[in-house]
Amino acid sequence: MSHNYATPLTPEKRLARVLARIPADWPLEIERQPATGWRARLTLPVHGVRDWTPPQPTMLAALEAAWRDARESVATDPSKGETVKK
């Protein structure tokens, strides 16, 4: 009898998933700092430039942190009329 267990996402699939959720009109910046690691930020059309994420060990972790920050910012201010892919 087979079971349908979810397989963990690979880093490539996680990256594709988070990039697919970011609207095309939200510019993205990613930097690698020599001593501290990766950081990222998004620019939302109405909210403007978001703060840099705290240093993360991987580019993917920084991008996911920037996505969570932007999503929370839009979710707390629905009057702006922006939509976020979930």
PDB file of N, CA and C in Angstrom:
ATOM      1  N   MET A   1       0.846  -1.169   0.000  1.00  0.00           N
ATOM      2  CA  MET A   1       0.000   0.000   0.000  1.00  0.00           C
ATOM      3  C   MET A   1       0.898   1.241   0.000  1.00  0.00           C
ATOM      4  N   SER A   2       0.678   2.098  -0.932  1.00  0.00           N
ATOM      5  CA  SER A   2       1.519   3.298  -1.023  1.00  0.00           C
ATOM      6  C   SER A   2       0.919   4.432  -0.194  1.00  0.00           C
ATOM      7  N   HIS A   3       1.797   5.315   0.208  1.00  0.00           N
ATOM      8  CA  HIS A   3       1.375   6.476   0.983  1.00  0.00           C
ATOM      9  C   HIS A   3       1.784   7.731   0.237  1.00  0.00           C
ATOM     10  N   ASN A   4       1.000   8.744   0.365  1.00  0.00           N
ATOM     11  CA  ASN A   4       1.287  10.002  -0.311  1.00  0.00           C
ATOM     12  C   ASN A   4       1.908  10.973   0.695  1.00  0.00           C
ATOM     13  N   TYR A   5       3.209  10.856   0.880  1.00  0.00           N
ATOM     14  CA  TYR A   5       3.909  11.753   1.785  1.00  0.00           C
ATOM     15  C   TYR A   5       4.470  12.923   0.988  1.00  0.00           C
ATOM     16  N   ALA A   6       4.372  14.093   1.558  1.00  0.00           N
ATOM     17  CA  ALA A   6       4.946  15.266   0.902  1.00  0.00           C
ATOM     18  C   ALA A   6       6.467  15.183   0.991  1.00  0.00           C
ATOM     19  N   THR A   7       7.116  15.444  -0.106  1.00  0.00           N
ATOM     20  CA  THR A   7       8.578  15.460  -0.090  1.00  0.00           C
ATOM     21  C   THR A   7       9.048  16.878   0.207  1.00  0.00           C
ATOM     22  N   PRO A   8      10.128  17.018   0.940  1.00  0.00           N
ATOM     23  CA  PRO A   8      10.627  18.364   1.229  1.00  0.00           C
ATOM     24  C   PRO A   8      11.035  19.071  -0.062  1.00  0.00           C
ATOM     25  N   LEU A   9      10.808  20.365  -0.089  1.00  0.00           N
ATOM     26  CA  LEU A   9      11.198  21.134  -1.263  1.00  0.00           C
ATOM     27  C   LEU A   9      12.712  21.284  -1.315  1.00  0.00           C
ATOM     28  N   THR A  10      13.255  21.160  -2.507  1.00  0.00           N
ATOM     29  CA  THR A  10      14.683  21.403  -2.696  1.00  0.00           C
ATOM     30  C   THR A  10      14.909  22.913  -2.675  1.00  0.00           C
ATOM     31  N   PRO A  11      16.139  23.361  -2.466  1.00  0.00           N
ATOM     32  CA  PRO A  11      16.398  24.809  -2.517  1.00  0.00           C
ATOM     33  C   PRO A  11      15.959  25.436  -3.842  1.00  0.00           C
ATOM     34  N   GLU A  12      16.137  24.715  -4.941  1.00  0.00           N
ATOM     35  CA  GLU A  12      15.729  25.242  -6.245  1.00  0.00           C
ATOM     36  C   GLU A  12      14.218  25.445  -6.313  1.00  0.00           C
ATOM     37  N   LYS A  13      13.468  24.483  -5.778  1.00  0.00           N
ATOM     38  CA  LYS A  13      12.005  24.608  -5.791  1.00  0.00           C
ATOM     39  C   LYS A  13      11.539  25.710  -4.844  1.00  0.00           C
ATOM     40  N   ARG A  14      12.210  25.846  -3.695  1.00  0.00           N
ATOM     41  CA  ARG A  14      11.859  26.930  -2.763  1.00  0.00           C
ATOM     42  C   ARG A  14      12.109  28.286  -3.414  1.00  0.00           C
ATOM     43  N   LEU A  15      13.242  28.419  -4.122  1.00  0.00           N
ATOM     44  CA  LEU A  15      13.553  29.674  -4.801  1.00  0.00           C
ATOM     45  C   LEU A  15      12.513  29.971  -5.877  1.00  0.00           C
ATOM     46  N   ALA A  16      12.175  28.981  -6.677  1.00  0.00           N
ATOM     47  CA  ALA A  16      11.165  29.174  -7.721  1.00  0.00           C
ATOM     48  C   ALA A  16       9.827  29.569  -7.113  1.00  0.00           C
ATOM     49  N   ARG A  17       9.473  28.953  -5.992  1.00  0.00           N
ATOM     50  CA  ARG A  17       8.191  29.257  -5.350  1.00  0.00           C
ATOM     51  C   ARG A  17       8.146  30.693  -4.849  1.00  0.00           C
ATOM     52  N   VAL A  18       9.198  31.136  -4.159  1.00  0.00           N
ATOM     53  CA  VAL A  18       9.171  32.493  -3.615  1.00  0.00           C
ATOM     54  C   VAL A  18       9.257  33.526  -4.741  1.00  0.00           C
ATOM     55  N   LEU A  19      10.034  33.268  -5.785  1.00  0.00           N
ATOM     56  CA  LEU A  19      10.105  34.215  -6.904  1.00  0.00           C
ATOM     57  C   LEU A  19       8.772  34.303  -7.643  1.00  0.00           C
ATOM     58  N   ALA A  20       8.060  33.195  -7.741  1.00  0.00           N
ATOM     59  CA  ALA A  20       6.755  33.206  -8.410  1.00  0.00           C
ATOM     60  C   ALA A  20       5.726  34.010  -7.628  1.00  0.00           C
ATOM     61  N   ARG A  21       5.910  34.137  -6.334  1.00  0.00           N
ATOM     62  CA  ARG A  21       4.946  34.862  -5.503  1.00  0.00           C
ATOM     63  C   ARG A  21       5.188  36.366  -5.476  1.00  0.00           C
ATOM     64  N   ILE A  22       6.354  36.809  -5.867  1.00  0.00           N
ATOM     65  CA  ILE A  22       6.661  38.241  -5.834  1.00  0.00           C
ATOM     66  C   ILE A  22       6.124  38.882  -7.108  1.00  0.00           C
ATOM     67  N   PRO A  23       5.216  39.858  -6.989  1.00  0.00           N
ATOM     68  CA  PRO A  23       4.688  40.515  -8.187  1.00  0.00           C
ATOM     69  C   PRO A  23       5.804  41.167  -9.009  1.00  0.00           C
ATOM     70  N   ALA A  24       5.623  41.205 -10.308  1.00  0.00           N
ATOM     71  CA  ALA A  24       6.646  41.733 -11.216  1.00  0.00           C
ATOM     72  C   ALA A  24       6.961  43.204 -10.963  1.00  0.00           C
ATOM     73  N   ASP A  25       6.017  43.953 -10.403  1.00  0.00           N
ATOM     74  CA  ASP A  25       6.261  45.381 -10.180  1.00  0.00           C
ATOM     75  C   ASP A  25       6.860  45.671  -8.801  1.00  0.00           C
ATOM     76  N   TRP A  26       7.355  44.644  -8.111  1.00  0.00           N
ATOM     77  CA  TRP A  26       8.044  44.821  -6.829  1.00  0.00           C
ATOM     78  C   TRP A  26       9.535  44.585  -7.042  1.00  0.00           C
ATOM     79  N   PRO A  27      10.334  45.626  -7.263  1.00  0.00           N
ATOM     80  CA  PRO A  27      11.776  45.431  -7.452  1.00  0.00           C
ATOM     81  C   PRO A  27      12.412  44.734  -6.248  1.00  0.00           C
ATOM     82  N   LEU A  28      13.410  43.931  -6.527  1.00  0.00           N
ATOM     83  CA  LEU A  28      14.082  43.108  -5.526  1.00  0.00           C
ATOM     84  C   LEU A  28      15.570  43.414  -5.537  1.00  0.00           C
ATOM     85  N   GLU A  29      16.151  43.563  -4.353  1.00  0.00           N
ATOM     86  CA  GLU A  29      17.596  43.741  -4.216  1.00  0.00           C
ATOM     87  C   GLU A  29      18.125  42.647  -3.296  1.00  0.00           C
ATOM     88  N   ILE A  30      19.236  42.041  -3.695  1.00  0.00           N
ATOM     89  CA  ILE A  30      19.891  41.016  -2.888  1.00  0.00           C
ATOM     90  C   ILE A  30      21.373  41.363  -2.826  1.00  0.00           C
ATOM     91  N   GLU A  31      21.942  41.306  -1.632  1.00  0.00           N
ATOM     92  CA  GLU A  31      23.368  41.586  -1.458  1.00  0.00           C
ATOM     93  C   GLU A  31      24.007  40.497  -0.613  1.00  0.00           C
ATOM     94  N   ARG A  32      25.258  40.224  -0.919  1.00  0.00           N
ATOM     95  CA  ARG A  32      26.043  39.328  -0.063  1.00  0.00           C
ATOM     96  C   ARG A  32      27.095  40.172   0.638  1.00  0.00           C
ATOM     97  N   GLN A  33      27.012  40.227   1.948  1.00  0.00           N
ATOM     98  CA  GLN A  33      27.957  40.991   2.756  1.00  0.00           C
ATOM     99  C   GLN A  33      29.137  40.091   3.098  1.00  0.00           C
ATOM    100  N   PRO A  34      30.364  40.601   3.002  1.00  0.00           N
ATOM    101  CA  PRO A  34      31.541  39.756   3.221  1.00  0.00           C
ATOM    102  C   PRO A  34      31.568  39.037   4.569  1.00  0.00           C
ATOM    103  N   ALA A  35      31.218  39.697   5.632  1.00  0.00           N
ATOM    104  CA  ALA A  35      31.371  39.083   6.954  1.00  0.00           C
ATOM    105  C   ALA A  35      30.080  38.515   7.529  1.00  0.00           C
ATOM    106  N   THR A  36      28.933  39.018   7.078  1.00  0.00           N
ATOM    107  CA  THR A  36      27.693  38.662   7.769  1.00  0.00           C
ATOM    108  C   THR A  36      26.761  37.760   6.978  1.00  0.00           C
ATOM    109  N   GLY A  37      26.876  37.663   5.691  1.00  0.00           N
ATOM    110  CA  GLY A  37      25.992  36.805   4.907  1.00  0.00           C
ATOM    111  C   GLY A  37      25.118  37.592   3.944  1.00  0.00           C
ATOM    112  N   TRP A  38      23.967  37.045   3.644  1.00  0.00           N
ATOM    113  CA  TRP A  38      23.058  37.597   2.641  1.00  0.00           C
ATOM    114  C   TRP A  38      21.999  38.484   3.274  1.00  0.00           C
ATOM    115  N   ARG A  39      21.540  39.473   2.500  1.00  0.00           N
ATOM    116  CA  ARG A  39      20.396  40.281   2.905  1.00  0.00           C
ATOM    117  C   ARG A  39      19.617  40.652   1.647  1.00  0.00           C
ATOM    118  N   ALA A  40      18.339  40.962   1.827  1.00  0.00           N
ATOM    119  CA  ALA A  40      17.476  41.276   0.689  1.00  0.00           C
ATOM    120  C   ALA A  40      16.429  42.285   1.118  1.00  0.00           C
ATOM    121  N   ARG A  41      15.842  42.949   0.133  1.00  0.00           N
ATOM    122  CA  ARG A  41      14.708  43.839   0.396  1.00  0.00           C
ATOM    123  C   ARG A  41      13.896  43.993  -0.882  1.00  0.00           C
ATOM    124  N   LEU A  42      12.637  44.296  -0.691  1.00  0.00           N
ATOM    125  CA  LEU A  42      11.714  44.526  -1.796  1.00  0.00           C
ATOM    126  C   LEU A  42      11.255  45.974  -1.762  1.00  0.00           C
ATOM    127  N   THR A  43      10.869  46.491  -2.922  1.00  0.00           N
ATOM    128  CA  THR A  43      10.268  47.813  -3.010  1.00  0.00           C
ATOM    129  C   THR A  43       8.826  47.625  -3.453  1.00  0.00           C
ATOM    130  N   LEU A  44       7.896  48.014  -2.590  1.00  0.00           N
ATOM    131  CA  LEU A  44       6.480  47.887  -2.907  1.00  0.00           C
ATOM    132  C   LEU A  44       5.998  49.187  -3.533  1.00  0.00           C
ATOM    133  N   PRO A  45       5.138  49.120  -4.551  1.00  0.00           N
ATOM    134  CA  PRO A  45       4.708  50.327  -5.255  1.00  0.00           C
ATOM    135  C   PRO A  45       4.141  51.416  -4.346  1.00  0.00           C
ATOM    136  N   VAL A  46       3.309  51.078  -3.390  1.00  0.00           N
ATOM    137  CA  VAL A  46       2.682  52.088  -2.537  1.00  0.00           C
ATOM    138  C   VAL A  46       3.472  52.313  -1.254  1.00  0.00           C
ATOM    139  N   HIS A  47       4.017  51.258  -0.684  1.00  0.00           N
ATOM    140  CA  HIS A  47       4.725  51.342   0.591  1.00  0.00           C
ATOM    141  C   HIS A  47       6.161  51.812   0.452  1.00  0.00           C
ATOM    142  N   GLY A  48       6.727  51.734  -0.727  1.00  0.00           N
ATOM    143  CA  GLY A  48       8.108  52.146  -0.939  1.00  0.00           C
ATOM    144  C   GLY A  48       9.108  51.055  -0.574  1.00  0.00           C
ATOM    145  N   VAL A  49      10.358  51.480  -0.405  1.00  0.00           N
ATOM    146  CA  VAL A  49      11.442  50.541  -0.132  1.00  0.00           C
ATOM    147  C   VAL A  49      11.320  50.006   1.285  1.00  0.00           C
ATOM    148  N   ARG A  50      11.386  48.699   1.420  1.00  0.00           N
ATOM    149  CA  ARG A  50      11.359  48.053   2.732  1.00  0.00           C
ATOM    150  C   ARG A  50      12.776  48.041   3.301  1.00  0.00           C
ATOM    151  N   ASP A  51      12.898  47.800   4.600  1.00  0.00           N
ATOM    152  CA  ASP A  51      14.214  47.692   5.234  1.00  0.00           C
ATOM    153  C   ASP A  51      14.910  46.415   4.774  1.00  0.00           C
ATOM    154  N   TRP A  52      16.242  46.434   4.846  1.00  0.00           N
ATOM    155  CA  TRP A  52      17.006  45.223   4.561  1.00  0.00           C
ATOM    156  C   TRP A  52      16.668  44.165   5.607  1.00  0.00           C
ATOM    157  N   THR A  53      16.683  42.928   5.206  1.00  0.00           N
ATOM    158  CA  THR A  53      16.479  41.834   6.160  1.00  0.00           C
ATOM    159  C   THR A  53      17.706  41.728   7.064  1.00  0.00           C
ATOM    160  N   PRO A  54      17.544  41.120   8.226  1.00  0.00           N
ATOM    161  CA  PRO A  54      18.740  40.806   9.026  1.00  0.00           C
ATOM    162  C   PRO A  54      19.631  39.849   8.224  1.00  0.00           C
ATOM    163  N   PRO A  55      20.918  39.810   8.504  1.00  0.00           N
ATOM    164  CA  PRO A  55      21.807  38.893   7.773  1.00  0.00           C
ATOM    165  C   PRO A  55      21.314  37.447   7.867  1.00  0.00           C
ATOM    166  N   GLN A  56      21.376  36.761   6.733  1.00  0.00           N
ATOM    167  CA  GLN A  56      20.927  35.372   6.641  1.00  0.00           C
ATOM    168  C   GLN A  56      22.069  34.510   6.111  1.00  0.00           C
ATOM    169  N   PRO A  57      22.091  33.230   6.446  1.00  0.00           N
ATOM    170  CA  PRO A  57      23.190  32.368   5.992  1.00  0.00           C
ATOM    171  C   PRO A  57      23.148  32.046   4.494  1.00  0.00           C
ATOM    172  N   THR A  58      21.949  32.101   3.887  1.00  0.00           N
ATOM    173  CA  THR A  58      21.829  31.786   2.457  1.00  0.00           C
ATOM    174  C   THR A  58      21.021  32.864   1.751  1.00  0.00           C
ATOM    175  N   MET A  59      21.217  32.939   0.439  1.00  0.00           N
ATOM    176  CA  MET A  59      20.454  33.884  -0.363  1.00  0.00           C
ATOM    177  C   MET A  59      18.964  33.566  -0.277  1.00  0.00           C
ATOM    178  N   LEU A  60      18.631  32.302  -0.317  1.00  0.00           N
ATOM    179  CA  LEU A  60      17.236  31.886  -0.253  1.00  0.00           C
ATOM    180  C   LEU A  60      16.584  32.313   1.054  1.00  0.00           C
ATOM    181  N   ALA A  61      17.285  32.155   2.159  1.00  0.00           N
ATOM    182  CA  ALA A  61      16.738  32.562   3.459  1.00  0.00           C
ATOM    183  C   ALA A  61      16.498  34.070   3.494  1.00  0.00           C
ATOM    184  N   ALA A  62      17.408  34.850   2.917  1.00  0.00           N
ATOM    185  CA  ALA A  62      17.239  36.306   2.874  1.00  0.00           C
ATOM    186  C   ALA A  62      16.041  36.684   2.010  1.00  0.00           C
ATOM    187  N   LEU A  63      15.894  36.028   0.879  1.00  0.00           N
ATOM    188  CA  LEU A  63      14.771  36.310  -0.012  1.00  0.00           C
ATOM    189  C   LEU A  63      13.446  35.945   0.642  1.00  0.00           C
ATOM    190  N   GLU A  64      13.391  34.806   1.314  1.00  0.00           N
ATOM    191  CA  GLU A  64      12.163  34.413   2.012  1.00  0.00           C
ATOM    192  C   GLU A  64      11.836  35.386   3.143  1.00  0.00           C
ATOM    193  N   ALA A  65      12.847  35.875   3.843  1.00  0.00           N
ATOM    194  CA  ALA A  65      12.615  36.851   4.915  1.00  0.00           C
ATOM    195  C   ALA A  65      12.082  38.163   4.344  1.00  0.00           C
ATOM    196  N   ALA A  66      12.629  38.602   3.218  1.00  0.00           N
ATOM    197  CA  ALA A  66      12.144  39.832   2.580  1.00  0.00           C
ATOM    198  C   ALA A  66      10.701  39.656   2.115  1.00  0.00           C
ATOM    199  N   TRP A  67      10.381  38.481   1.577  1.00  0.00           N
ATOM    200  CA  TRP A  67       9.017  38.197   1.135  1.00  0.00           C
ATOM    201  C   TRP A  67       8.043  38.229   2.310  1.00  0.00           C
ATOM    202  N   ARG A  68       8.417  37.598   3.424  1.00  0.00           N
ATOM    203  CA  ARG A  68       7.540  37.599   4.604  1.00  0.00           C
ATOM    204  C   ARG A  68       7.309  39.022   5.107  1.00  0.00           C
ATOM    205  N   ASP A  69       8.360  39.837   5.147  1.00  0.00           N
ATOM    206  CA  ASP A  69       8.234  41.220   5.600  1.00  0.00           C
ATOM    207  C   ASP A  69       7.285  42.003   4.693  1.00  0.00           C
ATOM    208  N   ALA A  70       7.451  41.869   3.392  1.00  0.00           N
ATOM    209  CA  ALA A  70       6.596  42.594   2.450  1.00  0.00           C
ATOM    210  C   ALA A  70       5.152  42.116   2.545  1.00  0.00           C
ATOM    211  N   ARG A  71       4.968  40.818   2.643  1.00  0.00           N
ATOM    212  CA  ARG A  71       3.613  40.257   2.736  1.00  0.00           C
ATOM    213  C   ARG A  71       2.909  40.747   3.994  1.00  0.00           C
ATOM    214  N   GLU A  72       3.621  40.770   5.123  1.00  0.00           N
ATOM    215  CA  GLU A  72       3.026  41.256   6.371  1.00  0.00           C
ATOM    216  C   GLU A  72       2.694  42.740   6.280  1.00  0.00           C
ATOM    217  N   SER A  73       3.537  43.506   5.627  1.00  0.00           N
ATOM    218  CA  SER A  73       3.286  44.937   5.495  1.00  0.00           C
ATOM    219  C   SER A  73       2.021  45.202   4.679  1.00  0.00           C
ATOM    220  N   VAL A  74       1.830  44.441   3.617  1.00  0.00           N
ATOM    221  CA  VAL A  74       0.630  44.602   2.790  1.00  0.00           C
ATOM    222  C   VAL A  74      -0.598  44.086   3.535  1.00  0.00           C
ATOM    223  N   ALA A  75      -0.447  42.994   4.255  1.00  0.00           N
ATOM    224  CA  ALA A  75      -1.579  42.401   4.977  1.00  0.00           C
ATOM    225  C   ALA A  75      -2.081  43.315   6.089  1.00  0.00           C
ATOM    226  N   THR A  76      -1.202  44.094   6.694  1.00  0.00           N
ATOM    227  CA  THR A  76      -1.624  44.977   7.777  1.00  0.00           C
ATOM    228  C   THR A  76      -2.221  46.274   7.260  1.00  0.00           C
ATOM    229  N   ASP A  77      -2.128  46.524   5.957  1.00  0.00           N
ATOM    230  CA  ASP A  77      -2.674  47.751   5.384  1.00  0.00           C
ATOM    231  C   ASP A  77      -3.439  47.423   4.101  1.00  0.00           C
ATOM    232  N   PRO A  78      -4.578  46.715   4.198  1.00  0.00           N
ATOM    233  CA  PRO A  78      -5.316  46.316   3.005  1.00  0.00           C
ATOM    234  C   PRO A  78      -5.961  47.476   2.256  1.00  0.00           C
ATOM    235  N   SER A  79      -6.018  48.658   2.839  1.00  0.00           N
ATOM    236  CA  SER A  79      -6.645  49.796   2.166  1.00  0.00           C
ATOM    237  C   SER A  79      -5.848  50.263   0.961  1.00  0.00           C
ATOM    238  N   LYS A  80      -4.609  49.821   0.833  1.00  0.00           N
ATOM    239  CA  LYS A  80      -3.771  50.253  -0.285  1.00  0.00           C
ATOM    240  C   LYS A  80      -4.161  49.575  -1.589  1.00  0.00           C
ATOM    241  N   GLY A  81      -4.954  48.525  -1.516  1.00  0.00           N
ATOM    242  CA  GLY A  81      -5.442  47.881  -2.722  1.00  0.00           C
ATOM    243  C   GLY A  81      -4.454  46.949  -3.398  1.00  0.00           C
ATOM    244  N   GLU A  82      -3.361  46.602  -2.745  1.00  0.00           N
ATOM    245  CA  GLU A  82      -2.396  45.699  -3.349  1.00  0.00           C
ATOM    246  C   GLU A  82      -2.834  44.261  -3.119  1.00  0.00           C
ATOM    247  N   THR A  83      -2.432  43.397  -4.013  1.00  0.00           N
ATOM    248  CA  THR A  83      -2.709  41.984  -3.828  1.00  0.00           C
ATOM    249  C   THR A  83      -1.394  41.241  -3.735  1.00  0.00           C
ATOM    250  N   VAL A  84      -1.394  40.189  -2.966  1.00  0.00           N
ATOM    251  CA  VAL A  84      -0.202  39.374  -2.780  1.00  0.00           C
ATOM    252  C   VAL A  84      -0.545  37.953  -3.153  1.00  0.00           C
ATOM    253  N   LYS A  85       0.291  37.332  -3.982  1.00  0.00           N
ATOM    254  CA  LYS A  85       0.080  35.932  -4.338  1.00  0.00           C
ATOM    255  C   LYS A  85       0.424  35.074  -3.142  1.00  0.00           C
ATOM    256  N   LYS A  86      -0.470  34.167  -2.786  1.00  0.00           N
ATOM    257  CA  LYS A  86      -0.225  33.280  -1.641  1.00  0.00           C
ATOM    258  C   LYS A  86      -0.091  31.864  -2.089  1.00  0.00           C
TER     259      LYS A  86
END
